[in-house]
mmCIF file of all heavy atoms, coordinates in Angstrom:
data_MODEL
# 
_entry.id   MODEL 
# 
loop_
_atom_site.group_PDB 
_atom_site.id 
_atom_site.type_symbol 
_atom_site.label_atom_id 
_atom_site.label_alt_id 
_atom_site.label_comp_id 
_atom_site.label_asym_id 
_atom_site.label_entity_id 
_atom_site.label_seq_id 
_atom_site.pdbx_PDB_ins_code 
_atom_site.Cartn_x 
_atom_site.Cartn_y 
_atom_site.Cartn_z 
_atom_site.occupancy 
_atom_site.B_iso_or_equiv 
_atom_site.pdbx_formal_charge 
_atom_site.auth_seq_id 
_atom_site.auth_comp_id 
_atom_site.auth_asym_id 
_atom_site.auth_atom_id 
_atom_site.pdbx_PDB_model_num 
ATOM 1   N N   . GLY A 1 1  ? 61.969 68.678 -12.149 1.00 0.00 ? 1  GLY A N   1 
ATOM 2   C CA  . GLY A 1 1  ? 62.517 69.528 -13.158 1.00 0.00 ? 1  GLY A CA  1 
ATOM 3   C C   . GLY A 1 1  ? 64.030 69.848 -12.956 1.00 0.00 ? 1  GLY A C   1 
ATOM 4   O O   . GLY A 1 1  ? 64.692 70.211 -13.877 1.00 0.00 ? 1  GLY A O   1 
ATOM 5   N N   . GLN A 1 2  ? 64.517 69.672 -11.700 1.00 0.00 ? 2  GLN A N   1 
ATOM 6   C CA  . GLN A 1 2  ? 65.929 69.945 -11.411 1.00 0.00 ? 2  GLN A CA  1 
ATOM 7   C C   . GLN A 1 2  ? 66.852 68.881 -12.030 1.00 0.00 ? 2  GLN A C   1 
ATOM 8   O O   . GLN A 1 2  ? 68.031 69.163 -12.107 1.00 0.00 ? 2  GLN A O   1 
ATOM 9   C CB  . GLN A 1 2  ? 66.124 69.911 -9.894  1.00 0.00 ? 2  GLN A CB  1 
ATOM 10  C CG  . GLN A 1 2  ? 65.198 70.866 -9.106  1.00 0.00 ? 2  GLN A CG  1 
ATOM 11  C CD  . GLN A 1 2  ? 65.670 72.287 -9.197  1.00 0.00 ? 2  GLN A CD  1 
ATOM 12  O OE1 . GLN A 1 2  ? 66.628 72.693 -8.542  1.00 0.00 ? 2  GLN A OE1 1 
ATOM 13  N NE2 . GLN A 1 2  ? 64.983 73.126 -9.984  1.00 0.00 ? 2  GLN A NE2 1 
ATOM 14  N N   . VAL A 1 3  ? 66.308 67.746 -12.414 1.00 0.00 ? 3  VAL A N   1 
ATOM 15  C CA  . VAL A 1 3  ? 67.174 66.701 -12.936 1.00 0.00 ? 3  VAL A CA  1 
ATOM 16  C C   . VAL A 1 3  ? 66.954 66.460 -14.479 1.00 0.00 ? 3  VAL A C   1 
ATOM 17  O O   . VAL A 1 3  ? 67.498 65.507 -15.050 1.00 0.00 ? 3  VAL A O   1 
ATOM 18  C CB  . VAL A 1 3  ? 67.003 65.353 -12.207 1.00 0.00 ? 3  VAL A CB  1 
ATOM 19  C CG1 . VAL A 1 3  ? 67.341 65.555 -10.757 1.00 0.00 ? 3  VAL A CG1 1 
ATOM 20  C CG2 . VAL A 1 3  ? 65.557 64.840 -12.325 1.00 0.00 ? 3  VAL A CG2 1 
ATOM 21  N N   . ILE A 1 4  ? 66.109 67.284 -15.042 1.00 0.00 ? 4  ILE A N   1 
ATOM 22  C CA  . ILE A 1 4  ? 65.806 67.099 -16.501 1.00 0.00 ? 4  ILE A CA  1 
ATOM 23  C C   . ILE A 1 4  ? 66.700 68.015 -17.364 1.00 0.00 ? 4  ILE A C   1 
ATOM 24  O O   . ILE A 1 4  ? 66.635 69.266 -17.092 1.00 0.00 ? 4  ILE A O   1 
ATOM 25  C CB  . ILE A 1 4  ? 64.292 67.369 -16.756 1.00 0.00 ? 4  ILE A CB  1 
ATOM 26  C CG1 . ILE A 1 4  ? 63.473 66.321 -16.045 1.00 0.00 ? 4  ILE A CG1 1 
ATOM 27  C CG2 . ILE A 1 4  ? 64.007 67.363 -18.255 1.00 0.00 ? 4  ILE A CG2 1 
ATOM 28  C CD1 . ILE A 1 4  ? 61.955 66.490 -16.264 1.00 0.00 ? 4  ILE A CD1 1 
ATOM 29  N N   . PRO A 1 5  ? 67.423 67.528 -18.315 1.00 0.00 ? 5  PRO A N   1 
ATOM 30  C CA  . PRO A 1 5  ? 68.199 68.408 -19.179 1.00 0.00 ? 5  PRO A CA  1 
ATOM 31  C C   . PRO A 1 5  ? 67.287 69.328 -20.007 1.00 0.00 ? 5  PRO A C   1 
ATOM 32  O O   . PRO A 1 5  ? 66.106 68.971 -20.157 1.00 0.00 ? 5  PRO A O   1 
ATOM 33  C CB  . PRO A 1 5  ? 68.969 67.427 -20.094 1.00 0.00 ? 5  PRO A CB  1 
ATOM 34  C CG  . PRO A 1 5  ? 68.787 66.092 -19.443 1.00 0.00 ? 5  PRO A CG  1 
ATOM 35  C CD  . PRO A 1 5  ? 67.538 66.149 -18.660 1.00 0.00 ? 5  PRO A CD  1 
ATOM 36  N N   . PRO A 1 6  ? 67.749 70.439 -20.556 1.00 0.00 ? 6  PRO A N   1 
ATOM 37  C CA  . PRO A 1 6  ? 69.173 70.816 -20.597 1.00 0.00 ? 6  PRO A CA  1 
ATOM 38  C C   . PRO A 1 6  ? 69.697 71.597 -19.426 1.00 0.00 ? 6  PRO A C   1 
ATOM 39  O O   . PRO A 1 6  ? 70.883 71.702 -19.207 1.00 0.00 ? 6  PRO A O   1 
ATOM 40  C CB  . PRO A 1 6  ? 69.271 71.656 -21.872 1.00 0.00 ? 6  PRO A CB  1 
ATOM 41  C CG  . PRO A 1 6  ? 67.895 72.312 -21.966 1.00 0.00 ? 6  PRO A CG  1 
ATOM 42  C CD  . PRO A 1 6  ? 66.957 71.325 -21.416 1.00 0.00 ? 6  PRO A CD  1 
ATOM 43  N N   . ILE A 1 7  ? 68.750 72.273 -18.646 1.00 0.00 ? 7  ILE A N   1 
ATOM 44  C CA  . ILE A 1 7  ? 69.235 73.220 -17.629 1.00 0.00 ? 7  ILE A CA  1 
ATOM 45  C C   . ILE A 1 7  ? 69.492 72.559 -16.314 1.00 0.00 ? 7  ILE A C   1 
ATOM 46  O O   . ILE A 1 7  ? 70.408 72.891 -15.591 1.00 0.00 ? 7  ILE A O   1 
ATOM 47  C CB  . ILE A 1 7  ? 68.310 74.380 -17.527 1.00 0.00 ? 7  ILE A CB  1 
ATOM 48  C CG1 . ILE A 1 7  ? 68.160 75.121 -18.889 1.00 0.00 ? 7  ILE A CG1 1 
ATOM 49  C CG2 . ILE A 1 7  ? 68.732 75.351 -16.447 1.00 0.00 ? 7  ILE A CG2 1 
ATOM 50  C CD1 . ILE A 1 7  ? 67.165 76.228 -18.942 1.00 0.00 ? 7  ILE A CD1 1 
ATOM 51  N N   . MET A 1 8  ? 68.630 71.603 -15.906 1.00 0.00 ? 8  MET A N   1 
ATOM 52  C CA  . MET A 1 8  ? 68.853 70.806 -14.659 1.00 0.00 ? 8  MET A CA  1 
ATOM 53  C C   . MET A 1 8  ? 68.991 71.705 -13.436 1.00 0.00 ? 8  MET A C   1 
ATOM 54  O O   . MET A 1 8  ? 69.924 71.509 -12.647 1.00 0.00 ? 8  MET A O   1 
ATOM 55  C CB  . MET A 1 8  ? 70.037 69.886 -14.815 1.00 0.00 ? 8  MET A CB  1 
ATOM 56  C CG  . MET A 1 8  ? 69.862 68.824 -15.835 1.00 0.00 ? 8  MET A CG  1 
ATOM 57  S SD  . MET A 1 8  ? 71.423 67.918 -16.154 1.00 0.00 ? 8  MET A SD  1 
ATOM 58  C CE  . MET A 1 8  ? 71.719 67.245 -14.532 1.00 0.00 ? 8  MET A CE  1 
ATOM 59  N N   . GLY A 1 9  ? 68.176 72.763 -13.304 1.00 0.00 ? 9  GLY A N   1 
ATOM 60  C CA  . GLY A 1 9  ? 68.290 73.638 -12.157 1.00 0.00 ? 9  GLY A CA  1 
ATOM 61  C C   . GLY A 1 9  ? 69.717 74.304 -12.076 1.00 0.00 ? 9  GLY A C   1 
ATOM 62  O O   . GLY A 1 9  ? 70.129 74.672 -11.008 1.00 0.00 ? 9  GLY A O   1 
ATOM 63  N N   . ALA A 1 10 ? 70.349 74.452 -13.201 1.00 0.00 ? 10 ALA A N   1 
ATOM 64  C CA  . ALA A 1 10 ? 71.625 75.161 -13.308 1.00 0.00 ? 10 ALA A CA  1 
ATOM 65  C C   . ALA A 1 10 ? 72.766 74.318 -12.733 1.00 0.00 ? 10 ALA A C   1 
ATOM 66  O O   . ALA A 1 10 ? 73.964 74.707 -12.869 1.00 0.00 ? 10 ALA A O   1 
ATOM 67  C CB  . ALA A 1 10 ? 71.622 76.482 -12.613 1.00 0.00 ? 10 ALA A CB  1 
ATOM 68  N N   . ALA A 1 11 ? 72.488 73.156 -12.154 1.00 0.00 ? 11 ALA A N   1 
ATOM 69  C CA  . ALA A 1 11 ? 73.593 72.386 -11.554 1.00 0.00 ? 11 ALA A CA  1 
ATOM 70  C C   . ALA A 1 11 ? 74.483 71.748 -12.614 1.00 0.00 ? 11 ALA A C   1 
ATOM 71  O O   . ALA A 1 11 ? 75.638 71.352 -12.370 1.00 0.00 ? 11 ALA A O   1 
ATOM 72  C CB  . ALA A 1 11 ? 73.073 71.311 -10.622 1.00 0.00 ? 11 ALA A CB  1 
ATOM 73  N N   . ALA A 1 12 ? 73.924 71.498 -13.841 1.00 0.00 ? 12 ALA A N   1 
ATOM 74  C CA  . ALA A 1 12 ? 74.737 70.912 -14.883 1.00 0.00 ? 12 ALA A CA  1 
ATOM 75  C C   . ALA A 1 12 ? 75.965 71.733 -15.180 1.00 0.00 ? 12 ALA A C   1 
ATOM 76  O O   . ALA A 1 12 ? 77.053 71.203 -15.441 1.00 0.00 ? 12 ALA A O   1 
ATOM 77  C CB  . ALA A 1 12 ? 73.903 70.732 -16.157 1.00 0.00 ? 12 ALA A CB  1 
ATOM 78  N N   . PHE A 1 13 ? 75.857 73.082 -15.101 1.00 0.00 ? 13 PHE A N   1 
ATOM 79  C CA  . PHE A 1 13 ? 77.007 73.967 -15.374 1.00 0.00 ? 13 PHE A CA  1 
ATOM 80  C C   . PHE A 1 13 ? 78.038 73.854 -14.253 1.00 0.00 ? 13 PHE A C   1 
ATOM 81  O O   . PHE A 1 13 ? 79.226 73.844 -14.534 1.00 0.00 ? 13 PHE A O   1 
ATOM 82  C CB  . PHE A 1 13 ? 76.490 75.357 -15.549 1.00 0.00 ? 13 PHE A CB  1 
ATOM 83  C CG  . PHE A 1 13 ? 75.321 75.474 -16.461 1.00 0.00 ? 13 PHE A CG  1 
ATOM 84  C CD1 . PHE A 1 13 ? 74.040 75.911 -16.028 1.00 0.00 ? 13 PHE A CD1 1 
ATOM 85  C CD2 . PHE A 1 13 ? 75.458 75.149 -17.822 1.00 0.00 ? 13 PHE A CD2 1 
ATOM 86  C CE1 . PHE A 1 13 ? 72.989 76.018 -16.853 1.00 0.00 ? 13 PHE A CE1 1 
ATOM 87  C CE2 . PHE A 1 13 ? 74.335 75.238 -18.677 1.00 0.00 ? 13 PHE A CE2 1 
ATOM 88  C CZ  . PHE A 1 13 ? 73.127 75.659 -18.193 1.00 0.00 ? 13 PHE A CZ  1 
ATOM 89  N N   . LEU A 1 14 ? 77.489 73.728 -13.008 1.00 0.00 ? 14 LEU A N   1 
ATOM 90  C CA  . LEU A 1 14 ? 78.397 73.575 -11.883 1.00 0.00 ? 14 LEU A CA  1 
ATOM 91  C C   . LEU A 1 14 ? 79.108 72.204 -12.019 1.00 0.00 ? 14 LEU A C   1 
ATOM 92  O O   . LEU A 1 14 ? 80.343 72.070 -11.736 1.00 0.00 ? 14 LEU A O   1 
ATOM 93  C CB  . LEU A 1 14 ? 77.639 73.640 -10.613 1.00 0.00 ? 14 LEU A CB  1 
ATOM 94  C CG  . LEU A 1 14 ? 76.928 75.010 -10.302 1.00 0.00 ? 14 LEU A CG  1 
ATOM 95  C CD1 . LEU A 1 14 ? 76.012 74.836 -9.111  1.00 0.00 ? 14 LEU A CD1 1 
ATOM 96  C CD2 . LEU A 1 14 ? 77.976 76.058 -10.046 1.00 0.00 ? 14 LEU A CD2 1 
ATOM 97  N N   . MET A 1 15 ? 78.399 71.157 -12.415 1.00 0.00 ? 15 MET A N   1 
ATOM 98  C CA  . MET A 1 15 ? 78.988 69.852 -12.547 1.00 0.00 ? 15 MET A CA  1 
ATOM 99  C C   . MET A 1 15 ? 80.046 69.813 -13.669 1.00 0.00 ? 15 MET A C   1 
ATOM 100 O O   . MET A 1 15 ? 81.105 69.136 -13.471 1.00 0.00 ? 15 MET A O   1 
ATOM 101 C CB  . MET A 1 15 ? 77.857 68.802 -12.904 1.00 0.00 ? 15 MET A CB  1 
ATOM 102 C CG  . MET A 1 15 ? 78.279 67.406 -12.559 1.00 0.00 ? 15 MET A CG  1 
ATOM 103 S SD  . MET A 1 15 ? 76.979 66.227 -12.948 1.00 0.00 ? 15 MET A SD  1 
ATOM 104 C CE  . MET A 1 15 ? 75.712 66.732 -11.785 1.00 0.00 ? 15 MET A CE  1 
ATOM 105 N N   . ALA A 1 16 ? 79.865 70.569 -14.695 1.00 0.00 ? 16 ALA A N   1 
ATOM 106 C CA  . ALA A 1 16 ? 80.850 70.629 -15.748 1.00 0.00 ? 16 ALA A CA  1 
ATOM 107 C C   . ALA A 1 16 ? 82.159 71.261 -15.191 1.00 0.00 ? 16 ALA A C   1 
ATOM 108 O O   . ALA A 1 16 ? 83.221 70.833 -15.548 1.00 0.00 ? 16 ALA A O   1 
ATOM 109 C CB  . ALA A 1 16 ? 80.320 71.492 -16.866 1.00 0.00 ? 16 ALA A CB  1 
ATOM 110 N N   . ASP A 1 17 ? 81.997 72.257 -14.320 1.00 0.00 ? 17 ASP A N   1 
ATOM 111 C CA  . ASP A 1 17 ? 83.186 72.914 -13.727 1.00 0.00 ? 17 ASP A CA  1 
ATOM 112 C C   . ASP A 1 17 ? 83.929 71.938 -12.749 1.00 0.00 ? 17 ASP A C   1 
ATOM 113 O O   . ASP A 1 17 ? 85.148 71.879 -12.792 1.00 0.00 ? 17 ASP A O   1 
ATOM 114 C CB  . ASP A 1 17 ? 82.710 74.169 -13.007 1.00 0.00 ? 17 ASP A CB  1 
ATOM 115 C CG  . ASP A 1 17 ? 83.913 74.941 -12.364 1.00 0.00 ? 17 ASP A CG  1 
ATOM 116 O OD1 . ASP A 1 17 ? 84.691 75.562 -13.127 1.00 0.00 ? 17 ASP A OD1 1 
ATOM 117 O OD2 . ASP A 1 17 ? 84.066 74.884 -11.166 1.00 0.00 ? 17 ASP A OD2 1 
ATOM 118 N N   . PHE A 1 18 ? 83.162 71.198 -11.931 1.00 0.00 ? 18 PHE A N   1 
ATOM 119 C CA  . PHE A 1 18 ? 83.768 70.319 -10.932 1.00 0.00 ? 18 PHE A CA  1 
ATOM 120 C C   . PHE A 1 18 ? 84.455 69.117 -11.608 1.00 0.00 ? 18 PHE A C   1 
ATOM 121 O O   . PHE A 1 18 ? 85.472 68.634 -11.185 1.00 0.00 ? 18 PHE A O   1 
ATOM 122 C CB  . PHE A 1 18 ? 82.710 69.882 -9.937  1.00 0.00 ? 18 PHE A CB  1 
ATOM 123 C CG  . PHE A 1 18 ? 82.488 70.884 -8.874  1.00 0.00 ? 18 PHE A CG  1 
ATOM 124 C CD1 . PHE A 1 18 ? 81.249 71.449 -8.727  1.00 0.00 ? 18 PHE A CD1 1 
ATOM 125 C CD2 . PHE A 1 18 ? 83.473 71.167 -7.949  1.00 0.00 ? 18 PHE A CD2 1 
ATOM 126 C CE1 . PHE A 1 18 ? 81.036 72.356 -7.701  1.00 0.00 ? 18 PHE A CE1 1 
ATOM 127 C CE2 . PHE A 1 18 ? 83.243 72.047 -6.909  1.00 0.00 ? 18 PHE A CE2 1 
ATOM 128 C CZ  . PHE A 1 18 ? 82.002 72.697 -6.791  1.00 0.00 ? 18 PHE A CZ  1 
ATOM 129 N N   . THR A 1 19 ? 83.790 68.549 -12.607 1.00 0.00 ? 19 THR A N   1 
ATOM 130 C CA  . THR A 1 19 ? 84.278 67.293 -13.214 1.00 0.00 ? 19 THR A CA  1 
ATOM 131 C C   . THR A 1 19 ? 85.201 67.484 -14.407 1.00 0.00 ? 19 THR A C   1 
ATOM 132 O O   . THR A 1 19 ? 85.926 66.576 -14.753 1.00 0.00 ? 19 THR A O   1 
ATOM 133 C CB  . THR A 1 19 ? 83.088 66.439 -13.723 1.00 0.00 ? 19 THR A CB  1 
ATOM 134 O OG1 . THR A 1 19 ? 82.373 67.153 -14.743 1.00 0.00 ? 19 THR A OG1 1 
ATOM 135 C CG2 . THR A 1 19 ? 82.134 66.121 -12.543 1.00 0.00 ? 19 THR A CG2 1 
ATOM 136 N N   . GLY A 1 20 ? 85.159 68.722 -14.999 1.00 0.00 ? 20 GLY A N   1 
ATOM 137 C CA  . GLY A 1 20 ? 86.013 68.925 -16.165 1.00 0.00 ? 20 GLY A CA  1 
ATOM 138 C C   . GLY A 1 20 ? 85.402 68.307 -17.446 1.00 0.00 ? 20 GLY A C   1 
ATOM 139 O O   . GLY A 1 20 ? 86.069 68.322 -18.497 1.00 0.00 ? 20 GLY A O   1 
ATOM 140 N N   . LEU A 1 21 ? 84.157 67.796 -17.357 1.00 0.00 ? 21 LEU A N   1 
ATOM 141 C CA  . LEU A 1 21 ? 83.535 67.188 -18.494 1.00 0.00 ? 21 LEU A CA  1 
ATOM 142 C C   . LEU A 1 21 ? 82.715 68.235 -19.284 1.00 0.00 ? 21 LEU A C   1 
ATOM 143 O O   . LEU A 1 21 ? 82.263 69.206 -18.687 1.00 0.00 ? 21 LEU A O   1 
ATOM 144 C CB  . LEU A 1 21 ? 82.597 66.102 -18.032 1.00 0.00 ? 21 LEU A CB  1 
ATOM 145 C CG  . LEU A 1 21 ? 83.192 64.914 -17.359 1.00 0.00 ? 21 LEU A CG  1 
ATOM 146 C CD1 . LEU A 1 21 ? 82.130 63.969 -16.753 1.00 0.00 ? 21 LEU A CD1 1 
ATOM 147 C CD2 . LEU A 1 21 ? 84.098 64.128 -18.332 1.00 0.00 ? 21 LEU A CD2 1 
ATOM 148 N N   . PRO A 1 22 ? 82.585 68.094 -20.609 1.00 0.00 ? 22 PRO A N   1 
ATOM 149 C CA  . PRO A 1 22 ? 81.791 69.005 -21.386 1.00 0.00 ? 22 PRO A CA  1 
ATOM 150 C C   . PRO A 1 22 ? 80.324 69.068 -20.900 1.00 0.00 ? 22 PRO A C   1 
ATOM 151 O O   . PRO A 1 22 ? 79.801 68.032 -20.481 1.00 0.00 ? 22 PRO A O   1 
ATOM 152 C CB  . PRO A 1 22 ? 81.881 68.484 -22.822 1.00 0.00 ? 22 PRO A CB  1 
ATOM 153 C CG  . PRO A 1 22 ? 83.084 67.624 -22.838 1.00 0.00 ? 22 PRO A CG  1 
ATOM 154 C CD  . PRO A 1 22 ? 83.208 67.028 -21.453 1.00 0.00 ? 22 PRO A CD  1 
ATOM 155 N N   . TYR A 1 23 ? 79.765 70.224 -20.979 1.00 0.00 ? 23 TYR A N   1 
ATOM 156 C CA  . TYR A 1 23 ? 78.361 70.425 -20.549 1.00 0.00 ? 23 TYR A CA  1 
ATOM 157 C C   . TYR A 1 23 ? 77.426 69.458 -21.307 1.00 0.00 ? 23 TYR A C   1 
ATOM 158 O O   . TYR A 1 23 ? 76.569 68.823 -20.682 1.00 0.00 ? 23 TYR A O   1 
ATOM 159 C CB  . TYR A 1 23 ? 77.933 71.853 -20.733 1.00 0.00 ? 23 TYR A CB  1 
ATOM 160 C CG  . TYR A 1 23 ? 76.423 72.034 -20.702 1.00 0.00 ? 23 TYR A CG  1 
ATOM 161 C CD1 . TYR A 1 23 ? 75.762 72.017 -19.465 1.00 0.00 ? 23 TYR A CD1 1 
ATOM 162 C CD2 . TYR A 1 23 ? 75.746 72.118 -21.859 1.00 0.00 ? 23 TYR A CD2 1 
ATOM 163 C CE1 . TYR A 1 23 ? 74.408 72.147 -19.429 1.00 0.00 ? 23 TYR A CE1 1 
ATOM 164 C CE2 . TYR A 1 23 ? 74.329 72.257 -21.818 1.00 0.00 ? 23 TYR A CE2 1 
ATOM 165 C CZ  . TYR A 1 23 ? 73.688 72.270 -20.625 1.00 0.00 ? 23 TYR A CZ  1 
ATOM 166 O OH  . TYR A 1 23 ? 72.288 72.382 -20.569 1.00 0.00 ? 23 TYR A OH  1 
ATOM 167 N N   . LEU A 1 24 ? 77.587 69.344 -22.600 1.00 0.00 ? 24 LEU A N   1 
ATOM 168 C CA  . LEU A 1 24 ? 76.692 68.467 -23.362 1.00 0.00 ? 24 LEU A CA  1 
ATOM 169 C C   . LEU A 1 24 ? 76.801 67.015 -22.936 1.00 0.00 ? 24 LEU A C   1 
ATOM 170 O O   . LEU A 1 24 ? 75.800 66.230 -23.021 1.00 0.00 ? 24 LEU A O   1 
ATOM 171 C CB  . LEU A 1 24 ? 76.987 68.602 -24.852 1.00 0.00 ? 24 LEU A CB  1 
ATOM 172 C CG  . LEU A 1 24 ? 76.526 69.902 -25.471 1.00 0.00 ? 24 LEU A CG  1 
ATOM 173 C CD1 . LEU A 1 24 ? 76.849 69.932 -27.004 1.00 0.00 ? 24 LEU A CD1 1 
ATOM 174 C CD2 . LEU A 1 24 ? 74.981 70.130 -25.304 1.00 0.00 ? 24 LEU A CD2 1 
ATOM 175 N N   . THR A 1 25 ? 77.998 66.536 -22.496 1.00 0.00 ? 25 THR A N   1 
ATOM 176 C CA  . THR A 1 25 ? 78.137 65.197 -21.990 1.00 0.00 ? 25 THR A CA  1 
ATOM 177 C C   . THR A 1 25 ? 77.320 64.992 -20.757 1.00 0.00 ? 25 THR A C   1 
ATOM 178 O O   . THR A 1 25 ? 76.633 63.936 -20.616 1.00 0.00 ? 25 THR A O   1 
ATOM 179 C CB  . THR A 1 25 ? 79.649 64.944 -21.665 1.00 0.00 ? 25 THR A CB  1 
ATOM 180 O OG1 . THR A 1 25 ? 80.391 65.085 -22.888 1.00 0.00 ? 25 THR A OG1 1 
ATOM 181 C CG2 . THR A 1 25 ? 79.832 63.547 -21.108 1.00 0.00 ? 25 THR A CG2 1 
ATOM 182 N N   . ILE A 1 26 ? 77.334 65.976 -19.862 1.00 0.00 ? 26 ILE A N   1 
ATOM 183 C CA  . ILE A 1 26 ? 76.518 65.829 -18.627 1.00 0.00 ? 26 ILE A CA  1 
ATOM 184 C C   . ILE A 1 26 ? 75.024 65.886 -18.922 1.00 0.00 ? 26 ILE A C   1 
ATOM 185 O O   . ILE A 1 26 ? 74.276 65.092 -18.352 1.00 0.00 ? 26 ILE A O   1 
ATOM 186 C CB  . ILE A 1 26 ? 76.948 66.987 -17.698 1.00 0.00 ? 26 ILE A CB  1 
ATOM 187 C CG1 . ILE A 1 26 ? 78.353 66.773 -17.172 1.00 0.00 ? 26 ILE A CG1 1 
ATOM 188 C CG2 . ILE A 1 26 ? 75.996 67.077 -16.494 1.00 0.00 ? 26 ILE A CG2 1 
ATOM 189 C CD1 . ILE A 1 26 ? 78.965 67.891 -16.406 1.00 0.00 ? 26 ILE A CD1 1 
ATOM 190 N N   . ALA A 1 27 ? 74.606 66.837 -19.753 1.00 0.00 ? 27 ALA A N   1 
ATOM 191 C CA  . ALA A 1 27 ? 73.172 66.959 -20.103 1.00 0.00 ? 27 ALA A CA  1 
ATOM 192 C C   . ALA A 1 27 ? 72.676 65.664 -20.817 1.00 0.00 ? 27 ALA A C   1 
ATOM 193 O O   . ALA A 1 27 ? 71.594 65.134 -20.541 1.00 0.00 ? 27 ALA A O   1 
ATOM 194 C CB  . ALA A 1 27 ? 72.961 68.140 -20.977 1.00 0.00 ? 27 ALA A CB  1 
ATOM 195 N N   . GLY A 1 28 ? 73.555 65.109 -21.679 1.00 0.00 ? 28 GLY A N   1 
ATOM 196 C CA  . GLY A 1 28 ? 73.135 63.884 -22.394 1.00 0.00 ? 28 GLY A CA  1 
ATOM 197 C C   . GLY A 1 28 ? 73.064 62.699 -21.420 1.00 0.00 ? 28 GLY A C   1 
ATOM 198 O O   . GLY A 1 28 ? 72.165 61.868 -21.545 1.00 0.00 ? 28 GLY A O   1 
ATOM 199 N N   . ALA A 1 29 ? 74.009 62.631 -20.483 1.00 0.00 ? 29 ALA A N   1 
ATOM 200 C CA  . ALA A 1 29 ? 74.012 61.531 -19.516 1.00 0.00 ? 29 ALA A CA  1 
ATOM 201 C C   . ALA A 1 29 ? 72.798 61.610 -18.613 1.00 0.00 ? 29 ALA A C   1 
ATOM 202 O O   . ALA A 1 29 ? 72.301 60.533 -18.086 1.00 0.00 ? 29 ALA A O   1 
ATOM 203 C CB  . ALA A 1 29 ? 75.286 61.570 -18.678 1.00 0.00 ? 29 ALA A CB  1 
# 
């Protein structure tokens, strides 16, 4: 469940901050 969008164990939001990519881009990927 930690790797399934949209929430991904909340790490998707952290990843958006680190990479500078939009959250929806990360969740879709």
